[in-house]
N, C-alpha and C. Protein backbone atom coordinates (compact mmCIF):
# COMPACT_ATOMS: atom_id res chain seq x y z
N MET A 1 -52.66 52.23 245.41
CA MET A 1 -53.47 53.32 244.98
C MET A 1 -54.29 52.96 243.97
N ASP A 2 -55.65 53.52 244.14
CA ASP A 2 -56.39 53.06 242.95
C ASP A 2 -56.26 53.45 241.53
N LYS A 3 -57.12 52.63 240.43
CA LYS A 3 -57.03 53.16 239.33
C LYS A 3 -57.43 54.75 238.84
N GLU A 4 -58.37 54.91 239.56
CA GLU A 4 -59.04 56.46 239.36
C GLU A 4 -58.03 57.43 239.77
N LYS A 5 -57.07 57.12 241.11
CA LYS A 5 -56.03 58.26 241.61
C LYS A 5 -54.86 58.10 239.97
N ARG A 6 -54.75 56.92 239.47
CA ARG A 6 -53.83 56.79 238.68
C ARG A 6 -53.73 57.72 237.34
N MET A 7 -55.07 57.49 236.79
CA MET A 7 -55.97 58.06 235.74
C MET A 7 -55.79 59.52 236.05
N ASN A 8 -56.16 60.06 237.25
CA ASN A 8 -56.44 61.47 237.55
C ASN A 8 -54.64 62.32 237.39
N ARG A 9 -53.73 61.04 237.76
CA ARG A 9 -52.19 61.85 237.43
C ARG A 9 -51.91 62.03 235.99
N ILE A 10 -52.53 61.00 235.19
CA ILE A 10 -52.10 61.08 233.84
C ILE A 10 -53.04 62.32 233.32
N PHE A 11 -54.34 62.35 233.49
CA PHE A 11 -55.22 63.56 233.14
C PHE A 11 -55.07 64.67 234.03
N GLY A 12 -55.47 65.95 233.57
CA GLY A 12 -55.85 66.82 234.45
C GLY A 12 -56.94 66.89 234.98
N LYS A 13 -57.35 67.85 235.69
CA LYS A 13 -58.74 67.99 236.40
C LYS A 13 -59.96 68.43 235.24
N ASP A 14 -59.41 69.11 234.07
CA ASP A 14 -60.11 69.26 233.04
C ASP A 14 -60.51 67.81 232.09
N GLY A 15 -59.77 66.91 232.68
CA GLY A 15 -60.09 65.87 231.81
C GLY A 15 -59.40 65.80 230.20
N LYS A 16 -58.28 66.55 230.52
CA LYS A 16 -57.35 66.68 229.35
C LYS A 16 -55.95 66.17 229.60
N THR A 17 -55.23 65.89 228.76
CA THR A 17 -53.70 65.58 229.24
C THR A 17 -52.95 65.91 228.13
N ILE A 18 -51.59 66.38 228.61
CA ILE A 18 -50.37 66.70 227.51
C ILE A 18 -49.28 65.73 227.80
N ILE A 19 -49.07 64.75 227.03
CA ILE A 19 -47.75 63.79 227.24
C ILE A 19 -46.72 64.06 226.53
N VAL A 20 -45.87 63.95 226.80
CA VAL A 20 -44.36 63.92 226.20
C VAL A 20 -43.77 62.47 226.12
N ALA A 21 -43.57 62.22 224.66
CA ALA A 21 -43.09 60.75 224.47
C ALA A 21 -41.60 60.62 224.58
N LEU A 22 -41.06 60.25 225.55
CA LEU A 22 -39.36 60.01 225.48
C LEU A 22 -39.39 58.63 225.02
N ASP A 23 -39.86 57.96 224.84
CA ASP A 23 -39.68 56.23 224.71
C ASP A 23 -39.26 55.93 223.37
N GLY A 24 -38.65 57.02 222.52
CA GLY A 24 -37.87 56.59 221.27
C GLY A 24 -36.70 55.70 221.08
N PHE A 25 -36.11 55.64 222.29
CA PHE A 25 -34.84 54.77 222.53
C PHE A 25 -35.25 53.26 222.17
N GLY A 26 -36.54 52.83 222.43
CA GLY A 26 -37.11 51.60 222.13
C GLY A 26 -37.58 51.19 220.52
N PHE A 27 -37.36 52.18 219.63
CA PHE A 27 -38.09 52.19 218.57
C PHE A 27 -37.15 52.55 217.47
N SER A 28 -36.14 53.23 217.57
CA SER A 28 -35.39 54.23 216.75
C SER A 28 -34.09 54.73 217.24
N ALA A 29 -33.22 54.36 215.97
CA ALA A 29 -31.57 54.89 216.47
C ALA A 29 -31.51 56.21 216.45
N TYR A 30 -32.56 57.01 215.94
CA TYR A 30 -32.63 58.43 215.81
C TYR A 30 -33.28 59.17 216.98
N THR A 31 -32.28 59.19 218.15
CA THR A 31 -32.52 59.66 219.37
C THR A 31 -32.13 61.09 220.01
N GLU A 32 -31.30 61.76 219.08
CA GLU A 32 -30.62 62.96 219.44
C GLU A 32 -31.61 63.93 220.31
N GLY A 33 -31.32 64.33 221.38
CA GLY A 33 -31.98 65.43 222.12
C GLY A 33 -32.75 64.96 223.12
N VAL A 34 -32.98 63.58 223.31
CA VAL A 34 -34.18 62.89 224.00
C VAL A 34 -33.51 62.91 225.37
N ASP A 35 -32.31 62.52 225.76
CA ASP A 35 -31.78 62.69 226.85
C ASP A 35 -31.75 64.19 227.62
N PHE A 36 -31.46 65.13 226.76
CA PHE A 36 -31.74 66.68 227.23
C PHE A 36 -33.21 66.83 227.41
N SER A 37 -34.15 66.40 226.96
CA SER A 37 -35.65 66.36 227.17
C SER A 37 -35.88 66.16 228.43
N ILE A 38 -35.43 64.94 228.88
CA ILE A 38 -35.67 63.68 229.95
C ILE A 38 -35.30 64.72 231.13
N LYS A 39 -34.06 65.09 231.01
CA LYS A 39 -33.16 66.13 231.99
C LYS A 39 -34.00 67.06 232.45
N ASN A 40 -34.65 67.81 231.72
CA ASN A 40 -35.69 69.09 231.68
C ASN A 40 -36.95 68.86 231.65
N VAL A 41 -37.67 68.11 231.44
CA VAL A 41 -39.06 67.70 231.47
C VAL A 41 -39.75 68.11 232.76
N LYS A 42 -39.07 68.00 233.81
CA LYS A 42 -39.85 68.53 235.02
C LYS A 42 -40.21 70.14 235.03
N ASN A 43 -39.54 70.77 234.09
CA ASN A 43 -39.79 72.26 233.95
C ASN A 43 -40.57 72.51 233.08
N LEU A 44 -41.30 71.70 232.59
CA LEU A 44 -42.62 71.40 231.67
C LEU A 44 -43.73 71.57 232.70
N LEU A 45 -43.72 71.00 233.75
CA LEU A 45 -45.08 70.74 234.64
C LEU A 45 -45.82 72.22 234.79
N LYS A 46 -45.04 73.33 234.93
CA LYS A 46 -45.61 74.41 235.40
C LYS A 46 -46.36 74.90 233.79
N TYR A 47 -46.31 74.42 232.96
CA TYR A 47 -46.87 74.80 231.67
C TYR A 47 -47.88 73.91 231.26
N GLY A 48 -48.34 72.95 231.87
CA GLY A 48 -49.24 72.01 231.84
C GLY A 48 -49.19 70.90 231.52
N LEU A 49 -47.81 70.35 231.83
CA LEU A 49 -47.45 68.90 231.34
C LEU A 49 -48.38 67.81 232.25
N ASN A 50 -48.64 66.69 231.92
CA ASN A 50 -49.28 65.87 232.98
C ASN A 50 -48.23 64.83 233.00
N CYS A 51 -47.86 64.14 231.82
CA CYS A 51 -46.86 63.02 232.27
C CYS A 51 -46.12 62.68 231.34
N VAL A 52 -45.06 61.82 231.24
CA VAL A 52 -44.10 61.27 230.02
C VAL A 52 -44.36 60.00 229.89
N LEU A 53 -44.16 59.42 228.93
CA LEU A 53 -44.05 58.00 228.34
C LEU A 53 -42.38 57.72 228.60
N VAL A 54 -41.90 56.96 229.09
CA VAL A 54 -40.54 56.41 229.31
C VAL A 54 -40.23 54.94 229.29
N THR A 55 -39.01 54.51 228.89
CA THR A 55 -38.58 53.06 228.84
C THR A 55 -38.10 52.90 229.99
N TYR A 56 -38.02 51.38 230.04
CA TYR A 56 -37.55 51.04 231.54
C TYR A 56 -36.15 51.75 231.87
N GLY A 57 -35.17 51.41 231.02
CA GLY A 57 -33.96 52.42 231.29
C GLY A 57 -34.16 53.65 231.69
N GLN A 58 -34.85 54.53 231.04
CA GLN A 58 -35.33 55.86 231.36
C GLN A 58 -35.45 56.11 232.93
N ALA A 59 -36.42 55.32 233.01
CA ALA A 59 -37.20 55.26 234.51
C ALA A 59 -36.17 54.85 235.58
N GLN A 60 -35.15 54.36 235.26
CA GLN A 60 -33.94 53.94 236.32
C GLN A 60 -32.88 54.72 236.39
N MET A 61 -32.75 55.17 235.26
CA MET A 61 -31.50 56.20 235.06
C MET A 61 -31.77 57.71 235.13
N PHE A 62 -32.89 57.91 235.18
CA PHE A 62 -33.41 59.49 235.39
C PHE A 62 -34.36 59.38 236.42
N ALA A 63 -34.34 58.63 237.27
CA ALA A 63 -35.21 58.50 238.67
C ALA A 63 -35.30 59.82 238.95
N GLU A 64 -34.12 60.43 239.48
CA GLU A 64 -34.26 61.78 240.12
C GLU A 64 -34.87 63.03 239.27
N ASP A 65 -34.71 63.14 238.23
CA ASP A 65 -35.22 64.05 236.95
C ASP A 65 -36.71 63.73 236.75
N LEU A 66 -37.18 62.73 237.34
CA LEU A 66 -38.44 62.38 236.99
C LEU A 66 -39.35 62.00 238.29
N SER A 67 -38.62 62.51 239.45
CA SER A 67 -39.23 62.30 240.79
C SER A 67 -40.66 62.99 240.89
N ASP A 68 -40.74 64.09 240.11
CA ASP A 68 -42.05 64.79 240.36
C ASP A 68 -42.76 64.55 239.10
N VAL A 69 -42.74 63.73 238.21
CA VAL A 69 -43.60 63.81 237.05
C VAL A 69 -43.83 62.44 236.75
N PRO A 70 -45.36 62.50 236.66
CA PRO A 70 -46.00 61.35 236.42
C PRO A 70 -45.62 60.66 235.24
N THR A 71 -45.38 59.26 235.28
CA THR A 71 -44.73 58.43 234.15
C THR A 71 -45.50 57.19 233.66
N VAL A 72 -45.76 56.72 232.49
CA VAL A 72 -46.30 55.59 232.07
C VAL A 72 -45.00 54.81 231.39
N LEU A 73 -44.94 53.86 231.57
CA LEU A 73 -43.82 53.04 231.11
C LEU A 73 -44.25 52.23 229.77
N ARG A 74 -43.02 52.33 228.93
CA ARG A 74 -43.63 51.51 227.39
C ARG A 74 -42.84 50.43 227.70
N VAL A 75 -43.82 49.17 227.64
CA VAL A 75 -43.57 47.76 227.88
C VAL A 75 -42.88 46.93 226.48
N ASP A 76 -43.23 47.47 225.44
CA ASP A 76 -42.90 46.97 224.28
C ASP A 76 -41.81 47.60 223.58
N GLY A 77 -41.19 47.12 222.25
CA GLY A 77 -40.17 47.86 221.78
C GLY A 77 -39.86 47.01 220.47
N SER A 78 -39.11 47.82 219.41
CA SER A 78 -38.97 47.36 218.30
C SER A 78 -37.77 45.83 218.13
N VAL A 79 -38.10 45.04 217.36
CA VAL A 79 -37.11 43.87 217.27
C VAL A 79 -35.81 44.22 216.51
N ASN A 80 -36.07 45.58 215.80
CA ASN A 80 -34.90 45.99 214.71
C ASN A 80 -34.99 47.25 215.01
N VAL A 81 -33.88 47.89 215.66
CA VAL A 81 -34.06 49.24 216.07
C VAL A 81 -33.57 50.05 215.03
N PHE A 82 -32.85 49.51 214.01
CA PHE A 82 -31.97 50.10 212.96
C PHE A 82 -33.10 50.26 211.74
N ASP A 83 -34.19 49.56 211.82
CA ASP A 83 -35.34 49.96 210.83
C ASP A 83 -36.26 50.90 211.27
N ASN A 84 -36.75 52.29 210.77
CA ASN A 84 -37.24 53.29 211.56
C ASN A 84 -38.51 53.03 211.08
N ASN A 85 -39.02 52.06 210.18
CA ASN A 85 -40.34 51.48 210.02
C ASN A 85 -40.75 50.62 211.15
N VAL A 86 -40.13 50.32 211.95
CA VAL A 86 -40.62 49.52 213.10
C VAL A 86 -41.00 48.09 212.56
N PRO A 87 -40.74 47.21 211.97
CA PRO A 87 -41.18 46.13 211.20
C PRO A 87 -41.81 44.93 212.16
N ASP A 88 -41.15 44.95 213.20
CA ASP A 88 -41.85 44.26 214.33
C ASP A 88 -41.64 44.68 215.63
N THR A 89 -42.44 44.10 216.69
CA THR A 89 -42.34 44.41 218.29
C THR A 89 -42.36 43.26 218.75
N ALA A 90 -41.65 43.69 220.23
CA ALA A 90 -41.79 42.33 221.46
C ALA A 90 -42.25 43.00 222.56
N GLN A 91 -42.78 42.34 223.28
CA GLN A 91 -43.07 42.65 224.82
C GLN A 91 -41.93 42.30 225.71
N PHE A 92 -41.34 43.42 226.40
CA PHE A 92 -40.29 43.01 227.33
C PHE A 92 -40.38 43.61 228.83
N PHE A 93 -41.57 44.16 228.96
CA PHE A 93 -41.96 44.43 230.36
C PHE A 93 -43.29 44.27 230.57
N ASP A 94 -44.02 44.43 231.63
CA ASP A 94 -45.26 44.17 232.03
C ASP A 94 -45.90 45.17 233.17
N VAL A 95 -46.91 45.07 233.91
CA VAL A 95 -47.47 45.92 234.89
C VAL A 95 -46.63 46.00 235.98
N THR A 96 -46.32 44.71 236.56
CA THR A 96 -45.60 44.78 237.87
C THR A 96 -44.31 45.24 237.43
N ASP A 97 -43.44 45.63 236.58
CA ASP A 97 -42.15 46.02 236.33
C ASP A 97 -42.82 47.55 236.58
N ALA A 98 -43.91 47.96 235.97
CA ALA A 98 -44.13 49.39 236.12
C ALA A 98 -44.33 49.91 237.50
N LEU A 99 -45.07 48.94 238.19
CA LEU A 99 -45.20 49.16 239.68
C LEU A 99 -43.96 49.20 240.37
N LYS A 100 -43.26 48.57 240.23
CA LYS A 100 -41.74 48.49 240.90
C LYS A 100 -40.86 49.74 240.75
N LEU A 101 -41.09 50.29 239.38
CA LEU A 101 -40.66 51.35 238.96
C LEU A 101 -41.28 52.85 239.50
N GLY A 102 -42.86 52.67 240.16
CA GLY A 102 -43.41 53.70 240.39
C GLY A 102 -44.19 54.45 239.40
N ALA A 103 -44.00 53.79 238.25
CA ALA A 103 -44.89 54.16 237.36
C ALA A 103 -46.66 54.25 237.32
N ASP A 104 -47.16 55.20 236.68
CA ASP A 104 -48.70 55.23 236.93
C ASP A 104 -49.50 54.66 235.85
N GLY A 105 -48.96 54.06 235.08
CA GLY A 105 -49.54 53.40 233.77
C GLY A 105 -48.52 52.74 232.79
N VAL A 106 -49.15 51.82 231.80
CA VAL A 106 -48.41 51.20 231.09
C VAL A 106 -49.04 51.26 229.38
N VAL A 107 -48.20 51.46 228.59
CA VAL A 107 -48.23 51.69 227.15
C VAL A 107 -47.79 50.49 226.25
N CYS A 108 -48.65 50.22 225.40
CA CYS A 108 -47.87 49.24 224.39
C CYS A 108 -48.60 49.56 222.78
N MET A 109 -48.28 49.09 221.87
CA MET A 109 -48.61 49.18 220.61
C MET A 109 -49.33 48.13 220.19
N THR A 110 -50.40 48.32 219.05
CA THR A 110 -51.45 47.20 218.42
C THR A 110 -51.19 47.34 217.32
N PHE A 111 -51.38 46.46 216.59
CA PHE A 111 -51.20 46.53 214.95
C PHE A 111 -52.40 45.92 214.25
N PRO A 112 -53.72 46.30 214.28
CA PRO A 112 -54.89 45.57 213.64
C PRO A 112 -54.56 45.35 212.25
N GLY A 113 -54.46 44.58 211.62
CA GLY A 113 -54.48 44.40 210.02
C GLY A 113 -52.82 44.27 209.60
N GLY A 114 -52.26 43.77 210.95
CA GLY A 114 -50.67 43.81 210.78
C GLY A 114 -50.27 42.58 209.97
N ASN A 115 -49.43 42.34 209.08
CA ASN A 115 -49.11 41.19 208.80
C ASN A 115 -48.33 39.93 209.47
N ASN A 116 -47.95 38.94 209.00
CA ASN A 116 -46.99 37.83 209.78
C ASN A 116 -47.30 38.02 211.20
N GLY A 117 -48.73 37.86 211.97
CA GLY A 117 -48.82 37.57 213.20
C GLY A 117 -49.02 38.79 213.96
N ARG A 118 -48.25 39.99 213.36
CA ARG A 118 -48.40 41.04 214.36
C ARG A 118 -49.83 41.48 215.09
N GLU A 119 -50.70 41.17 214.08
CA GLU A 119 -52.04 41.54 214.73
C GLU A 119 -52.22 40.54 215.95
N GLU A 120 -52.04 39.62 215.67
CA GLU A 120 -52.46 38.39 216.84
C GLU A 120 -51.59 38.75 218.35
N PHE A 121 -50.28 38.95 217.71
CA PHE A 121 -49.22 39.08 219.01
C PHE A 121 -49.87 40.47 219.66
N SER A 122 -50.08 41.36 218.98
CA SER A 122 -50.16 42.88 219.86
C SER A 122 -51.50 42.77 220.54
N HIS A 123 -52.44 42.13 219.93
CA HIS A 123 -53.83 42.05 221.02
C HIS A 123 -53.66 41.44 222.09
N LYS A 124 -52.86 40.18 221.81
CA LYS A 124 -52.80 39.11 222.86
C LYS A 124 -51.96 40.05 223.99
N MET A 125 -51.27 40.45 223.82
CA MET A 125 -50.26 41.66 224.57
C MET A 125 -51.10 42.69 225.61
N LEU A 126 -52.08 42.96 224.74
CA LEU A 126 -52.99 44.18 225.13
C LEU A 126 -53.92 43.57 226.05
N SER A 127 -54.00 42.37 225.65
CA SER A 127 -55.25 41.42 226.77
C SER A 127 -54.69 41.27 227.88
N SER A 128 -53.59 40.76 227.93
CA SER A 128 -52.71 40.33 228.96
C SER A 128 -52.41 41.45 230.04
N LEU A 129 -51.92 42.46 229.25
CA LEU A 129 -51.94 43.76 230.21
C LEU A 129 -53.06 44.39 230.88
N ALA A 130 -54.29 44.22 230.16
CA ALA A 130 -55.26 44.70 230.68
C ALA A 130 -55.91 43.88 231.92
N LYS A 131 -55.92 42.76 231.78
CA LYS A 131 -55.68 41.54 232.64
C LYS A 131 -54.96 42.20 234.05
N GLN A 132 -53.69 42.49 234.09
CA GLN A 132 -52.93 42.79 235.00
C GLN A 132 -53.53 44.07 235.49
N GLY A 133 -53.48 45.11 234.68
CA GLY A 133 -54.02 46.29 234.72
C GLY A 133 -55.23 46.37 235.74
N ARG A 134 -55.92 45.32 235.47
CA ARG A 134 -57.16 45.35 236.57
C ARG A 134 -57.26 44.83 237.62
N GLU A 135 -56.20 43.86 237.76
CA GLU A 135 -55.56 43.10 238.92
C GLU A 135 -55.01 44.14 239.91
N TRP A 136 -54.04 45.19 239.29
CA TRP A 136 -53.49 46.31 239.98
C TRP A 136 -53.65 47.54 240.08
N ASN A 137 -54.83 47.48 239.48
CA ASN A 137 -55.66 49.15 239.50
C ASN A 137 -54.58 50.05 238.47
N VAL A 138 -53.85 49.73 237.63
CA VAL A 138 -53.04 50.36 236.88
C VAL A 138 -53.42 50.53 235.43
N PRO A 139 -53.57 51.83 234.87
CA PRO A 139 -54.13 52.05 233.39
C PRO A 139 -53.07 51.77 232.31
N VAL A 140 -53.66 50.98 231.50
CA VAL A 140 -53.16 50.54 230.30
C VAL A 140 -53.63 51.59 228.95
N ILE A 141 -52.41 52.15 228.17
CA ILE A 141 -52.71 52.92 227.11
C ILE A 141 -52.30 51.84 226.02
N ALA A 142 -53.36 51.93 225.03
CA ALA A 142 -53.05 51.26 223.84
C ALA A 142 -53.08 52.26 222.70
N GLU A 143 -51.53 51.78 222.07
CA GLU A 143 -51.39 52.96 220.91
C GLU A 143 -51.85 52.06 219.92
N THR A 144 -52.75 52.34 219.13
CA THR A 144 -53.33 51.51 217.99
C THR A 144 -53.28 52.04 217.02
N LEU A 145 -52.29 51.41 216.09
CA LEU A 145 -51.63 51.81 214.62
C LEU A 145 -52.12 50.69 213.54
N PRO A 146 -53.18 50.91 212.85
CA PRO A 146 -53.66 50.12 211.68
C PRO A 146 -52.55 49.89 210.85
N CYS A 147 -52.25 48.29 210.59
CA CYS A 147 -51.34 48.00 209.91
C CYS A 147 -49.67 47.80 210.48
N SER A 148 -49.38 49.06 210.17
CA SER A 148 -48.04 49.20 210.32
C SER A 148 -47.69 50.71 211.40
N TYR A 149 -46.57 50.61 211.76
CA TYR A 149 -46.14 51.92 212.86
C TYR A 149 -45.92 53.45 211.57
N PRO A 150 -45.63 53.28 210.61
CA PRO A 150 -45.95 54.50 209.78
C PRO A 150 -47.13 54.51 208.87
N VAL A 151 -47.32 55.53 208.47
CA VAL A 151 -48.53 55.41 207.21
C VAL A 151 -47.60 55.41 205.99
N THR A 152 -47.85 54.53 205.31
CA THR A 152 -46.91 54.11 204.31
C THR A 152 -47.28 53.35 202.97
N ASP A 153 -46.89 53.76 201.86
CA ASP A 153 -47.49 53.18 200.84
C ASP A 153 -47.80 51.53 200.61
N LYS A 154 -46.42 51.13 201.45
CA LYS A 154 -46.45 49.63 201.66
C LYS A 154 -47.71 49.09 202.33
N TYR A 155 -48.46 49.77 203.07
CA TYR A 155 -49.75 49.29 203.89
C TYR A 155 -50.60 50.54 203.67
N PRO A 156 -51.57 50.73 202.17
CA PRO A 156 -52.03 51.88 202.24
C PRO A 156 -53.14 52.02 203.08
N ASN A 157 -53.31 51.19 203.76
CA ASN A 157 -54.81 51.49 204.64
C ASN A 157 -53.86 51.59 205.86
N SER A 158 -53.03 51.98 206.56
CA SER A 158 -52.43 52.51 207.59
C SER A 158 -52.73 53.88 208.10
N GLY A 159 -53.29 54.59 207.02
CA GLY A 159 -53.99 55.88 207.37
C GLY A 159 -55.55 56.09 206.85
N ASN A 160 -56.13 55.13 206.46
CA ASN A 160 -57.16 54.93 206.20
C ASN A 160 -58.19 55.18 207.42
N PRO A 161 -59.11 56.54 207.17
CA PRO A 161 -59.68 56.64 208.64
C PRO A 161 -60.82 55.34 209.28
N ASP A 162 -61.05 54.88 208.25
CA ASP A 162 -62.20 53.65 208.72
C ASP A 162 -61.32 52.37 209.49
N TYR A 163 -59.87 52.22 209.06
CA TYR A 163 -59.14 51.40 209.69
C TYR A 163 -58.70 51.89 211.04
N ILE A 164 -58.30 53.15 211.30
CA ILE A 164 -58.03 54.16 212.44
C ILE A 164 -59.28 53.79 213.35
N LYS A 165 -60.49 53.85 213.01
CA LYS A 165 -61.93 54.24 213.99
C LYS A 165 -61.52 52.86 214.48
N THR A 166 -61.67 51.61 213.50
CA THR A 166 -61.86 50.22 214.32
C THR A 166 -60.48 49.70 214.78
N ALA A 167 -59.46 49.92 214.47
CA ALA A 167 -58.30 49.88 215.44
C ALA A 167 -58.58 50.54 217.02
N ALA A 168 -58.99 51.69 217.22
CA ALA A 168 -59.18 52.50 218.00
C ALA A 168 -60.23 51.76 219.03
N ARG A 169 -61.29 51.19 218.54
CA ARG A 169 -62.30 50.50 219.01
C ARG A 169 -61.75 49.09 219.52
N LEU A 170 -61.00 48.47 218.70
CA LEU A 170 -60.23 47.23 219.15
C LEU A 170 -59.48 47.35 220.54
N GLY A 171 -58.79 48.34 220.48
CA GLY A 171 -58.18 48.69 221.85
C GLY A 171 -59.15 48.46 222.96
N ALA A 172 -60.01 49.27 222.85
CA ALA A 172 -61.04 49.36 224.03
C ALA A 172 -61.61 48.03 224.25
N GLU A 173 -61.78 47.41 223.48
CA GLU A 173 -62.31 46.14 223.51
C GLU A 173 -61.46 45.10 224.09
N TYR A 174 -60.02 45.19 223.36
CA TYR A 174 -59.38 44.27 224.29
C TYR A 174 -58.72 44.78 225.78
N GLY A 175 -59.39 45.76 226.60
CA GLY A 175 -59.23 46.35 227.87
C GLY A 175 -58.67 47.40 228.01
N ALA A 176 -57.97 48.32 226.86
CA ALA A 176 -57.35 49.24 227.37
C ALA A 176 -58.15 50.41 228.02
N ASP A 177 -57.59 51.15 228.86
CA ASP A 177 -58.11 52.34 229.67
C ASP A 177 -58.01 53.54 228.87
N ILE A 178 -57.10 53.90 227.91
CA ILE A 178 -56.91 54.99 227.38
C ILE A 178 -56.73 54.37 225.98
N ILE A 179 -56.80 55.18 224.88
CA ILE A 179 -56.69 54.89 223.40
C ILE A 179 -55.60 56.25 223.08
N LYS A 180 -54.82 55.69 222.47
CA LYS A 180 -53.85 56.52 221.92
C LYS A 180 -53.87 56.32 220.05
N THR A 181 -54.24 57.48 219.44
CA THR A 181 -54.60 56.89 217.76
C THR A 181 -54.13 58.09 216.99
N ARG A 182 -54.17 57.61 215.90
CA ARG A 182 -53.66 58.59 214.65
C ARG A 182 -54.97 59.66 214.65
N PHE A 183 -54.88 60.82 214.07
CA PHE A 183 -55.62 61.60 213.67
C PHE A 183 -55.38 61.89 212.11
N THR A 184 -56.54 62.23 211.44
CA THR A 184 -56.32 62.09 210.10
C THR A 184 -56.21 63.95 209.49
N GLY A 185 -56.48 64.94 210.37
CA GLY A 185 -56.44 66.12 209.99
C GLY A 185 -58.07 66.65 209.54
N ASP A 186 -58.98 65.71 209.26
CA ASP A 186 -60.45 65.85 209.08
C ASP A 186 -60.91 65.93 210.28
N VAL A 187 -61.82 67.26 210.95
CA VAL A 187 -62.12 67.47 212.01
C VAL A 187 -63.54 66.30 212.40
N GLU A 188 -64.18 66.51 211.41
CA GLU A 188 -65.28 65.58 211.55
C GLU A 188 -65.00 64.09 211.51
N VAL A 189 -64.08 63.38 210.51
CA VAL A 189 -63.81 62.09 210.70
C VAL A 189 -63.14 61.96 211.91
N ASP A 190 -62.35 62.58 212.46
CA ASP A 190 -61.65 62.47 213.96
C ASP A 190 -62.63 62.41 215.01
N LYS A 191 -63.51 63.32 214.86
CA LYS A 191 -64.53 63.11 216.29
C LYS A 191 -65.13 61.62 215.78
N LYS A 192 -65.27 60.98 214.96
CA LYS A 192 -65.93 59.58 214.91
C LYS A 192 -64.98 58.88 215.13
N ILE A 193 -63.66 59.01 215.25
CA ILE A 193 -62.54 57.94 215.35
C ILE A 193 -62.63 58.22 217.06
N VAL A 194 -62.63 59.53 217.56
CA VAL A 194 -62.73 59.37 219.17
C VAL A 194 -64.15 58.78 219.57
N GLU A 195 -65.25 59.14 219.31
CA GLU A 195 -66.31 58.57 219.75
C GLU A 195 -66.34 56.90 219.42
N ASN A 196 -65.63 56.68 218.65
CA ASN A 196 -65.55 55.06 218.41
C ASN A 196 -64.60 54.42 219.58
N ALA A 197 -64.07 55.12 219.94
CA ALA A 197 -62.95 54.78 220.79
C ALA A 197 -63.42 54.10 222.06
N VAL A 198 -64.76 54.88 222.74
CA VAL A 198 -65.46 54.83 223.83
C VAL A 198 -64.32 54.69 224.86
N ARG A 199 -63.10 55.44 224.78
CA ARG A 199 -62.45 55.76 226.16
C ARG A 199 -61.64 57.04 225.88
N PRO A 200 -61.01 57.39 226.98
CA PRO A 200 -60.34 58.51 226.83
C PRO A 200 -59.29 58.43 225.68
N THR A 201 -59.26 59.60 224.87
CA THR A 201 -58.42 59.46 223.61
C THR A 201 -57.17 60.55 223.77
N VAL A 202 -56.06 60.01 223.27
CA VAL A 202 -54.88 61.20 223.15
C VAL A 202 -54.34 61.02 221.70
N ALA A 203 -53.78 62.05 221.12
CA ALA A 203 -53.83 62.08 219.62
C ALA A 203 -51.78 61.85 219.44
N LEU A 204 -51.72 60.58 218.59
CA LEU A 204 -50.02 60.46 218.41
C LEU A 204 -49.61 61.19 217.88
N GLY A 205 -48.53 61.75 218.18
CA GLY A 205 -47.68 62.95 217.91
C GLY A 205 -47.46 63.25 216.13
N GLY A 206 -47.44 62.17 215.51
CA GLY A 206 -47.36 62.39 214.10
C GLY A 206 -45.65 62.74 213.76
N PRO A 207 -45.41 62.88 212.65
CA PRO A 207 -44.10 63.27 211.83
C PRO A 207 -43.32 64.33 212.37
N LYS A 208 -42.29 64.28 212.19
CA LYS A 208 -41.14 65.58 212.53
C LYS A 208 -41.83 66.40 211.53
N THR A 209 -41.77 67.63 212.08
CA THR A 209 -42.32 68.91 211.43
C THR A 209 -41.55 70.33 211.91
N ASP A 210 -41.95 71.11 211.67
CA ASP A 210 -41.59 72.51 211.88
C ASP A 210 -42.72 73.09 212.93
N ASN A 211 -42.16 74.00 213.77
CA ASN A 211 -43.04 74.46 215.03
C ASN A 211 -44.56 74.87 214.66
N LYS A 212 -44.42 75.75 213.60
CA LYS A 212 -46.12 76.14 213.16
C LYS A 212 -46.75 74.88 212.93
N THR A 213 -46.33 74.00 212.18
CA THR A 213 -47.49 73.04 211.56
C THR A 213 -47.44 72.12 212.87
N TYR A 214 -46.67 71.87 213.51
CA TYR A 214 -46.89 71.07 214.98
C TYR A 214 -47.89 71.61 215.57
N PHE A 215 -47.76 73.05 215.88
CA PHE A 215 -48.72 73.62 216.81
C PHE A 215 -50.45 73.57 216.19
N ALA A 216 -50.14 73.81 214.94
CA ALA A 216 -51.33 73.67 214.12
C ALA A 216 -52.22 72.22 214.47
N LEU A 217 -51.70 71.24 214.55
CA LEU A 217 -51.90 70.02 214.60
C LEU A 217 -52.49 69.84 215.88
N VAL A 218 -51.66 70.38 217.25
CA VAL A 218 -52.16 70.46 218.62
C VAL A 218 -53.47 71.44 218.53
N LEU A 219 -53.59 72.56 217.98
CA LEU A 219 -55.08 73.07 218.03
C LEU A 219 -56.17 72.06 217.65
N LEU A 220 -55.67 71.58 216.41
CA LEU A 220 -56.71 70.77 215.85
C LEU A 220 -57.32 69.41 216.64
N ALA A 221 -56.21 68.91 217.40
CA ALA A 221 -56.57 67.47 218.30
C ALA A 221 -57.42 68.37 219.53
N LEU A 222 -57.06 69.47 219.87
CA LEU A 222 -57.73 70.04 221.08
C LEU A 222 -59.09 70.37 220.49
N ASP A 223 -59.50 70.77 219.32
CA ASP A 223 -60.61 71.24 218.83
C ASP A 223 -61.70 69.98 218.82
N ILE A 224 -60.79 68.89 218.27
CA ILE A 224 -61.59 67.79 218.00
C ILE A 224 -61.85 67.07 219.40
N LEU A 225 -61.10 66.82 220.37
CA LEU A 225 -61.39 66.32 221.83
C LEU A 225 -62.25 67.09 222.56
N ASP A 226 -62.46 68.72 222.22
CA ASP A 226 -63.18 69.44 223.16
C ASP A 226 -64.87 69.20 222.58
N ASN A 227 -64.85 68.90 221.12
CA ASN A 227 -66.35 68.63 220.76
C ASN A 227 -66.80 67.39 220.54
N SER A 228 -65.70 66.19 221.23
CA SER A 228 -66.36 65.14 220.75
C SER A 228 -67.05 64.37 222.28
């Protein structure tokens, strides 16, 4: 299968995508409800779901539940799953593993501006995956997170729009086919982030919140992407 066909499984005919991230087991101990969601995720296809992000274990254990759902394999994960701030990550899988599982793409995080070698490691990982993706026609999603996984006072620039914009572009420069990034909530600022990414862009889900606030964020993201 060529890369365009795989991209068309991740994105709909309208060029948009709804992605459910089910890969939390790789980053957090707080995973209540994820198994229930993955067992029922195929029911969301009729409501516009395009694909899901899954771990290697999920792709194996829930193969039947995911048989009709386009999947993207998470290739990296936390090295301290009990620290919800995700202090560091490592690569555990690659494009060939994704192909063996029948996945349509791979996803990894990058940490531009990160300390203790995180930036260097994450960008080397992304560039290596991009080369593999080009060889095997597999789309690569880069989740570009300035400085750290959460927006936190410890890393004051983790939510800085200029840092987010730069991080998104770096993802493209190191070979990503799709950029997953933070939005700030300011439509004009976020449009510039999307424009600077120069790749199809999807919005990071954000912190846990109530349904009304969450769907307001979804509508905001749609407005930004519609007008970018």
